[in-house]
C-alpha cells in the first residue's frame, strides 16, 4: 500500500487532535491500520498491483475457478504459465474475470485451462485490486479511523492487532470462505 486510504486531516478531526505534534505518528498509524485491515479482510483499500502464484498451478477441471486472494479486482493485467513441455512462460489470453466476493479467474466460454506444469510458481496472475480514492466504502473508512483511534489512545500497551469488536465491520468485504 502506497497511498493512505484516509487522510491525516480526517483522522485528526475524528480524534479531535488540533495540533501538528502527532501528525507523523498518526500518518504511521493510518498506514499500519490500513495494512492490518487489508490483511485481515484480504482486500486492498487503495488501488494497487497484486501478483499471485497459485500453489497448485491451473485447476484440472475447466469449470474450476482460481480464486483471487485480494479484492476488489479492477483489472487483470497478465496471466502467464509454464507449459507442460517445460518451455518459456506463455501468456494466457482466453480467460474471464468473475467479480465479487467469490471472484476469481475462469477460462473464457468454450475454453479450457492451458496444459501447463503444476506446482508452486508455474502460474502467475498479475492484477490490480482496491478501491478508487472516492469509492472506498464508508464503513471501511470508519474502520480505519476506529483502529487508529484505538491504537492512538492505547499507546504503550501490549498488543496492537485488530480488536475483536472491529472484525464484524470487515467481514462483509472479505472474499467468501475467508470471512
Foldseek 3Di string as FASTA:
>chain_A
DPDQLDDLVVLCVVLVPDDCPCSVVLVVLSVVLQVQLCVQQQEHAEKDKDKDWDFWHDDPWLPDFDFDRYDDFDWWDWKWFQAPVRDDIDTDDQWDWDGDLQIGIGGHVPDGDGRGHTGTPGMMIMTIHHDHSVGRDPLVVVLSSVLSSVCVVDPPDPDRHRDPVSVVSSHVRHRPPSD
